Amino acid sequence: MEPRIVIYCCTNATVMPEEHVQKAVSDGRAEIKMVMLPCTGRTDVLYLLRAIEEGADMAMIVGCPEGQCRYLQGNLRAKQRVVYANRVLAEAGLGHERVRMINLDPAQDEQFAAALEDVIAKAAELGAWLRK
């Protein structure tokens, strides 16, 4: 069974992440849901926890590089929320690696592809015991 991943992506962080996502989905390597946000600062801990509760093996947030957020500190707030969400998941016995954040400049398109591959591999590893 393919791992399930939810990606929350800042519209300013990467150019056309959809093509990498569609390739992973069409290759049958993962089931991915993408949510485009004006800023990762709009990501709430409840969104992250709900994604896991509803069956996602991992959630990934893709934000701007630190210090380059259009909305000043949105990516820093998102980073704090990732730490908190992982702490809550660890306390619930689901591990502390289910939510990840990467910071990308729009010019780093290939880095998004590499991060996606890493998350797919980690989700496959983590998700196996969750669905049993």
N, C-alpha and C. Protein backbone atom coordinates (compact mmCIF):
# COMPACT_ATOMS: atom_id res chain seq x y z
N MET A 1 0.84 -1.17 0.00
CA MET A 1 0.00 0.00 0.00
C MET A 1 0.89 1.24 0.00
N GLU A 2 0.54 2.22 -0.87
CA GLU A 2 1.34 3.44 -0.95
C GLU A 2 1.19 4.27 0.31
N PRO A 3 2.25 4.96 0.69
CA PRO A 3 2.13 5.87 1.83
C PRO A 3 1.24 7.06 1.47
N ARG A 4 0.55 7.57 2.48
CA ARG A 4 -0.31 8.74 2.29
C ARG A 4 0.38 9.96 2.89
N ILE A 5 0.44 11.02 2.09
CA ILE A 5 1.14 12.23 2.49
C ILE A 5 0.28 13.45 2.18
N VAL A 6 0.25 14.39 3.10
CA VAL A 6 -0.41 15.67 2.87
C VAL A 6 0.69 16.74 2.85
N ILE A 7 0.70 17.55 1.79
CA ILE A 7 1.70 18.59 1.64
C ILE A 7 1.02 19.95 1.71
N TYR A 8 1.47 20.78 2.65
CA TYR A 8 1.01 22.16 2.75
C TYR A 8 2.12 23.01 2.16
N CYS A 9 1.83 23.69 1.06
CA CYS A 9 2.89 24.38 0.32
C CYS A 9 2.60 25.87 0.17
N CYS A 10 3.57 26.67 0.54
CA CYS A 10 3.49 28.11 0.34
C CYS A 10 3.57 28.40 -1.16
N THR A 11 2.68 29.24 -1.64
CA THR A 11 2.69 29.56 -3.07
C THR A 11 3.95 30.31 -3.49
N ASN A 12 4.66 30.87 -2.53
CA ASN A 12 5.88 31.62 -2.84
C ASN A 12 7.16 30.79 -2.68
N ALA A 13 7.04 29.57 -2.19
CA ALA A 13 8.22 28.80 -1.85
C ALA A 13 8.81 28.01 -3.01
N THR A 14 8.01 27.52 -3.88
CA THR A 14 8.52 26.69 -4.96
C THR A 14 7.68 26.88 -6.21
N VAL A 15 8.30 26.69 -7.34
CA VAL A 15 7.62 26.85 -8.61
C VAL A 15 7.18 25.48 -9.11
N MET A 16 5.90 25.33 -9.35
CA MET A 16 5.32 24.13 -9.94
C MET A 16 5.66 22.83 -9.21
N PRO A 17 5.38 22.72 -7.92
CA PRO A 17 5.65 21.46 -7.24
C PRO A 17 4.70 20.36 -7.71
N GLU A 18 3.61 20.77 -8.36
CA GLU A 18 2.61 19.80 -8.78
C GLU A 18 3.17 18.74 -9.72
N GLU A 19 4.12 19.13 -10.58
CA GLU A 19 4.64 18.14 -11.54
C GLU A 19 5.41 17.02 -10.82
N HIS A 20 6.14 17.35 -9.76
CA HIS A 20 6.85 16.32 -8.99
C HIS A 20 5.85 15.45 -8.24
N VAL A 21 4.81 16.08 -7.70
CA VAL A 21 3.78 15.33 -6.97
C VAL A 21 3.04 14.40 -7.92
N GLN A 22 2.65 14.90 -9.08
CA GLN A 22 1.93 14.07 -10.05
C GLN A 22 2.78 12.88 -10.52
N LYS A 23 4.07 13.09 -10.67
CA LYS A 23 4.96 11.99 -11.07
C LYS A 23 4.99 10.91 -10.00
N ALA A 24 5.10 11.31 -8.74
CA ALA A 24 5.13 10.33 -7.64
C ALA A 24 3.81 9.58 -7.56
N VAL A 25 2.70 10.28 -7.76
CA VAL A 25 1.38 9.65 -7.70
C VAL A 25 1.19 8.71 -8.89
N SER A 26 1.54 9.17 -10.09
CA SER A 26 1.34 8.34 -11.28
C SER A 26 2.24 7.12 -11.29
N ASP A 27 3.41 7.22 -10.65
CA ASP A 27 4.30 6.06 -10.53
C ASP A 27 3.83 5.08 -9.47
N GLY A 28 2.79 5.45 -8.72
CA GLY A 28 2.25 4.57 -7.69
C GLY A 28 3.10 4.51 -6.43
N ARG A 29 3.95 5.51 -6.22
CA ARG A 29 4.83 5.50 -5.05
C ARG A 29 4.19 6.10 -3.82
N ALA A 30 3.15 6.92 -4.01
CA ALA A 30 2.51 7.58 -2.87
C ALA A 30 1.14 8.11 -3.26
N GLU A 31 0.31 8.26 -2.25
CA GLU A 31 -0.98 8.95 -2.40
C GLU A 31 -0.76 10.30 -1.74
N ILE A 32 -0.84 11.37 -2.53
CA ILE A 32 -0.47 12.70 -2.04
C ILE A 32 -1.62 13.67 -2.24
N LYS A 33 -1.87 14.43 -1.20
CA LYS A 33 -2.84 15.53 -1.27
C LYS A 33 -2.06 16.82 -1.07
N MET A 34 -2.20 17.76 -2.00
CA MET A 34 -1.51 19.04 -1.88
C MET A 34 -2.49 20.13 -1.50
N VAL A 35 -2.07 20.97 -0.57
CA VAL A 35 -2.84 22.13 -0.16
C VAL A 35 -1.94 23.35 -0.35
N MET A 36 -2.32 24.22 -1.28
CA MET A 36 -1.55 25.43 -1.52
C MET A 36 -2.04 26.52 -0.57
N LEU A 37 -1.08 27.19 0.08
CA LEU A 37 -1.39 28.24 1.04
C LEU A 37 -0.70 29.53 0.62
N PRO A 38 -1.28 30.68 0.98
CA PRO A 38 -0.58 31.94 0.68
C PRO A 38 0.70 32.08 1.49
N CYS A 39 0.76 31.39 2.64
CA CYS A 39 1.93 31.43 3.52
C CYS A 39 1.84 30.22 4.44
N THR A 40 2.97 29.63 4.78
CA THR A 40 2.95 28.49 5.70
C THR A 40 2.53 28.90 7.09
N GLY A 41 2.59 30.19 7.38
CA GLY A 41 2.10 30.70 8.65
C GLY A 41 0.61 30.43 8.84
N ARG A 42 -0.09 30.12 7.76
CA ARG A 42 -1.51 29.79 7.82
C ARG A 42 -1.75 28.34 8.24
N THR A 43 -0.71 27.55 8.29
CA THR A 43 -0.83 26.16 8.72
C THR A 43 -1.05 26.13 10.22
N ASP A 44 -2.05 25.39 10.64
CA ASP A 44 -2.38 25.27 12.05
C ASP A 44 -2.01 23.88 12.54
N VAL A 45 -1.66 23.76 13.80
CA VAL A 45 -1.35 22.45 14.38
C VAL A 45 -2.52 21.50 14.19
N LEU A 46 -3.72 22.01 14.31
CA LEU A 46 -4.91 21.16 14.15
C LEU A 46 -4.99 20.58 12.74
N TYR A 47 -4.59 21.34 11.71
CA TYR A 47 -4.56 20.81 10.34
C TYR A 47 -3.60 19.64 10.26
N LEU A 48 -2.44 19.81 10.86
CA LEU A 48 -1.41 18.77 10.81
C LEU A 48 -1.86 17.51 11.53
N LEU A 49 -2.41 17.69 12.73
CA LEU A 49 -2.87 16.53 13.50
C LEU A 49 -4.07 15.87 12.84
N ARG A 50 -4.96 16.66 12.26
CA ARG A 50 -6.13 16.10 11.58
C ARG A 50 -5.71 15.27 10.37
N ALA A 51 -4.70 15.73 9.64
CA ALA A 51 -4.21 14.98 8.49
C ALA A 51 -3.75 13.59 8.91
N ILE A 52 -3.00 13.51 10.01
CA ILE A 52 -2.52 12.22 10.51
C ILE A 52 -3.70 11.40 11.02
N GLU A 53 -4.60 12.03 11.74
CA GLU A 53 -5.77 11.33 12.28
C GLU A 53 -6.63 10.72 11.16
N GLU A 54 -6.70 11.41 10.03
CA GLU A 54 -7.53 10.94 8.92
C GLU A 54 -6.80 9.96 8.01
N GLY A 55 -5.61 9.52 8.41
CA GLY A 55 -4.96 8.45 7.66
C GLY A 55 -3.68 8.80 6.95
N ALA A 56 -3.24 10.04 6.98
CA ALA A 56 -1.97 10.38 6.35
C ALA A 56 -0.84 9.79 7.19
N ASP A 57 0.15 9.27 6.52
CA ASP A 57 1.32 8.74 7.21
C ASP A 57 2.27 9.86 7.61
N MET A 58 2.27 10.93 6.80
CA MET A 58 3.11 12.10 7.10
C MET A 58 2.45 13.35 6.56
N ALA A 59 2.84 14.47 7.14
CA ALA A 59 2.48 15.79 6.63
C ALA A 59 3.78 16.54 6.40
N MET A 60 3.84 17.26 5.29
CA MET A 60 5.04 18.03 4.96
C MET A 60 4.63 19.47 4.69
N ILE A 61 5.38 20.39 5.24
CA ILE A 61 5.15 21.81 4.99
C ILE A 61 6.33 22.31 4.16
N VAL A 62 6.02 23.00 3.08
CA VAL A 62 7.05 23.57 2.21
C VAL A 62 6.93 25.09 2.30
N GLY A 63 7.95 25.72 2.90
CA GLY A 63 7.92 27.16 3.10
C GLY A 63 9.11 27.86 2.49
N CYS A 64 9.06 29.17 2.57
CA CYS A 64 10.15 30.02 2.08
C CYS A 64 11.38 29.85 2.97
N PRO A 65 12.55 30.23 2.46
CA PRO A 65 13.74 30.21 3.31
C PRO A 65 13.55 31.14 4.51
N GLU A 66 14.14 30.77 5.63
CA GLU A 66 14.03 31.60 6.82
C GLU A 66 14.61 32.99 6.52
N GLY A 67 13.89 34.00 6.98
CA GLY A 67 14.30 35.37 6.73
C GLY A 67 13.80 35.93 5.42
N GLN A 68 13.11 35.12 4.59
CA GLN A 68 12.65 35.59 3.30
C GLN A 68 11.13 35.47 3.13
N CYS A 69 10.41 35.29 4.22
CA CYS A 69 8.96 35.16 4.15
C CYS A 69 8.32 36.48 3.75
N ARG A 70 7.46 36.44 2.79
CA ARG A 70 6.75 37.63 2.34
C ARG A 70 5.93 38.24 3.47
N TYR A 71 5.46 37.38 4.37
CA TYR A 71 4.64 37.84 5.49
C TYR A 71 5.46 37.90 6.78
N LEU A 72 6.74 38.14 6.64
CA LEU A 72 7.71 38.38 7.71
C LEU A 72 8.10 37.13 8.49
N GLN A 73 7.20 36.53 9.27
CA GLN A 73 7.58 35.41 10.12
C GLN A 73 6.68 34.19 9.96
N GLY A 74 5.96 34.09 8.88
CA GLY A 74 5.05 32.97 8.69
C GLY A 74 5.76 31.63 8.72
N ASN A 75 6.92 31.55 8.07
CA ASN A 75 7.64 30.28 8.04
C ASN A 75 8.22 29.93 9.41
N LEU A 76 8.54 30.94 10.21
CA LEU A 76 9.04 30.66 11.57
C LEU A 76 7.92 30.15 12.47
N ARG A 77 6.72 30.70 12.30
CA ARG A 77 5.57 30.20 13.07
C ARG A 77 5.24 28.77 12.65
N ALA A 78 5.32 28.50 11.36
CA ALA A 78 5.05 27.14 10.88
C ALA A 78 6.06 26.15 11.46
N LYS A 79 7.31 26.55 11.53
CA LYS A 79 8.35 25.68 12.09
C LYS A 79 8.05 25.33 13.55
N GLN A 80 7.60 26.32 14.32
CA GLN A 80 7.24 26.07 15.72
C GLN A 80 6.05 25.11 15.80
N ARG A 81 5.11 25.24 14.88
CA ARG A 81 3.94 24.37 14.88
C ARG A 81 4.31 22.93 14.52
N VAL A 82 5.30 22.77 13.66
CA VAL A 82 5.78 21.43 13.31
C VAL A 82 6.38 20.75 14.54
N VAL A 83 7.18 21.48 15.27
CA VAL A 83 7.79 20.94 16.50
C VAL A 83 6.69 20.52 17.48
N TYR A 84 5.72 21.38 17.67
CA TYR A 84 4.63 21.09 18.61
C TYR A 84 3.80 19.89 18.15
N ALA A 85 3.46 19.84 16.86
CA ALA A 85 2.67 18.72 16.33
C ALA A 85 3.41 17.41 16.53
N ASN A 86 4.70 17.39 16.26
CA ASN A 86 5.48 16.16 16.45
C ASN A 86 5.55 15.76 17.92
N ARG A 87 5.61 16.74 18.80
CA ARG A 87 5.62 16.44 20.23
C ARG A 87 4.29 15.80 20.65
N VAL A 88 3.18 16.34 20.17
CA VAL A 88 1.86 15.78 20.48
C VAL A 88 1.74 14.36 19.92
N LEU A 89 2.21 14.15 18.70
CA LEU A 89 2.15 12.82 18.09
C LEU A 89 3.03 11.82 18.85
N ALA A 90 4.18 12.27 19.31
CA ALA A 90 5.06 11.39 20.10
C ALA A 90 4.39 11.00 21.41
N GLU A 91 3.73 11.96 22.06
CA GLU A 91 3.03 11.67 23.31
C GLU A 91 1.88 10.69 23.09
N ALA A 92 1.30 10.71 21.89
CA ALA A 92 0.21 9.80 21.55
C ALA A 92 0.72 8.44 21.10
N GLY A 93 2.04 8.28 21.04
CA GLY A 93 2.62 7.00 20.64
C GLY A 93 2.75 6.80 19.14
N LEU A 94 2.65 7.89 18.36
CA LEU A 94 2.73 7.78 16.90
C LEU A 94 4.09 8.19 16.35
N GLY A 95 5.02 8.48 17.21
CA GLY A 95 6.35 8.87 16.78
C GLY A 95 6.48 10.38 16.64
N HIS A 96 7.70 10.84 16.54
CA HIS A 96 7.97 12.28 16.48
C HIS A 96 8.47 12.73 15.12
N GLU A 97 8.25 11.90 14.08
CA GLU A 97 8.78 12.23 12.76
C GLU A 97 7.69 12.29 11.69
N ARG A 98 6.47 12.47 12.08
CA ARG A 98 5.37 12.42 11.11
C ARG A 98 5.08 13.74 10.42
N VAL A 99 5.63 14.82 10.95
CA VAL A 99 5.43 16.13 10.34
C VAL A 99 6.81 16.73 10.06
N ARG A 100 7.00 17.20 8.84
CA ARG A 100 8.28 17.75 8.44
C ARG A 100 8.10 19.10 7.76
N MET A 101 9.10 19.92 7.88
CA MET A 101 9.08 21.20 7.17
C MET A 101 10.38 21.37 6.42
N ILE A 102 10.25 21.84 5.19
CA ILE A 102 11.43 22.21 4.42
C ILE A 102 11.26 23.65 3.97
N ASN A 103 12.36 24.35 3.89
CA ASN A 103 12.36 25.74 3.44
C ASN A 103 13.08 25.81 2.10
N LEU A 104 12.37 26.33 1.10
CA LEU A 104 12.93 26.36 -0.25
C LEU A 104 12.79 27.73 -0.88
N ASP A 105 13.77 28.07 -1.67
CA ASP A 105 13.70 29.22 -2.55
C ASP A 105 13.05 28.73 -3.85
N PRO A 106 12.27 29.55 -4.53
CA PRO A 106 11.65 29.08 -5.78
C PRO A 106 12.65 28.52 -6.80
N ALA A 107 13.89 28.96 -6.73
CA ALA A 107 14.91 28.47 -7.66
C ALA A 107 15.39 27.06 -7.32
N GLN A 108 14.99 26.52 -6.17
CA GLN A 108 15.47 25.21 -5.71
C GLN A 108 14.47 24.11 -6.03
N ASP A 109 14.00 24.07 -7.24
CA ASP A 109 12.99 23.11 -7.65
C ASP A 109 13.44 21.66 -7.46
N GLU A 110 14.69 21.38 -7.77
CA GLU A 110 15.19 20.01 -7.61
C GLU A 110 15.30 19.61 -6.15
N GLN A 111 15.50 20.57 -5.27
CA GLN A 111 15.56 20.26 -3.84
C GLN A 111 14.18 19.83 -3.36
N PHE A 112 13.11 20.37 -3.93
CA PHE A 112 11.76 19.93 -3.59
C PHE A 112 11.59 18.47 -3.99
N ALA A 113 12.05 18.11 -5.18
CA ALA A 113 11.93 16.72 -5.64
C ALA A 113 12.67 15.77 -4.70
N ALA A 114 13.86 16.16 -4.26
CA ALA A 114 14.64 15.32 -3.34
C ALA A 114 13.94 15.21 -1.98
N ALA A 115 13.41 16.32 -1.49
CA ALA A 115 12.70 16.30 -0.20
C ALA A 115 11.45 15.44 -0.29
N LEU A 116 10.76 15.50 -1.42
CA LEU A 116 9.56 14.68 -1.61
C LEU A 116 9.92 13.20 -1.60
N GLU A 117 10.98 12.84 -2.27
CA GLU A 117 11.43 11.44 -2.27
C GLU A 117 11.77 10.97 -0.87
N ASP A 118 12.42 11.83 -0.09
CA ASP A 118 12.78 11.51 1.29
C ASP A 118 11.53 11.31 2.14
N VAL A 119 10.55 12.17 1.97
CA VAL A 119 9.31 12.06 2.75
C VAL A 119 8.53 10.80 2.34
N ILE A 120 8.51 10.48 1.07
CA ILE A 120 7.83 9.26 0.62
C ILE A 120 8.46 8.03 1.26
N ALA A 121 9.79 7.99 1.27
CA ALA A 121 10.49 6.85 1.88
C ALA A 121 10.22 6.77 3.38
N LYS A 122 10.26 7.90 4.06
CA LYS A 122 10.01 7.91 5.51
C LYS A 122 8.56 7.56 5.81
N ALA A 123 7.62 8.05 5.01
CA ALA A 123 6.21 7.74 5.21
C ALA A 123 5.95 6.25 5.01
N ALA A 124 6.60 5.64 4.05
CA ALA A 124 6.45 4.20 3.84
C ALA A 124 6.95 3.43 5.05
N GLU A 125 8.06 3.88 5.61
CA GLU A 125 8.63 3.24 6.79
C GLU A 125 7.71 3.42 8.01
N LEU A 126 7.23 4.62 8.24
CA LEU A 126 6.41 4.91 9.41
C LEU A 126 4.98 4.38 9.28
N GLY A 127 4.44 4.46 8.08
CA GLY A 127 3.04 4.14 7.89
C GLY A 127 2.67 2.68 8.03
N ALA A 128 3.60 1.80 7.81
CA ALA A 128 3.31 0.37 7.83
C ALA A 128 2.71 -0.08 9.14
N TRP A 129 3.25 0.36 10.26
CA TRP A 129 2.72 -0.07 11.54
C TRP A 129 1.45 0.67 11.91
N LEU A 130 1.22 1.84 11.38
CA LEU A 130 0.05 2.63 11.73
C LEU A 130 -1.23 2.01 11.20
N ARG A 131 -1.20 1.42 10.01
CA ARG A 131 -2.40 0.88 9.39
C ARG A 131 -2.68 -0.56 9.76
N LYS A 132 -1.85 -1.19 10.57
CA LYS A 132 -2.06 -2.58 10.92
C LYS A 132 -3.20 -2.73 11.90
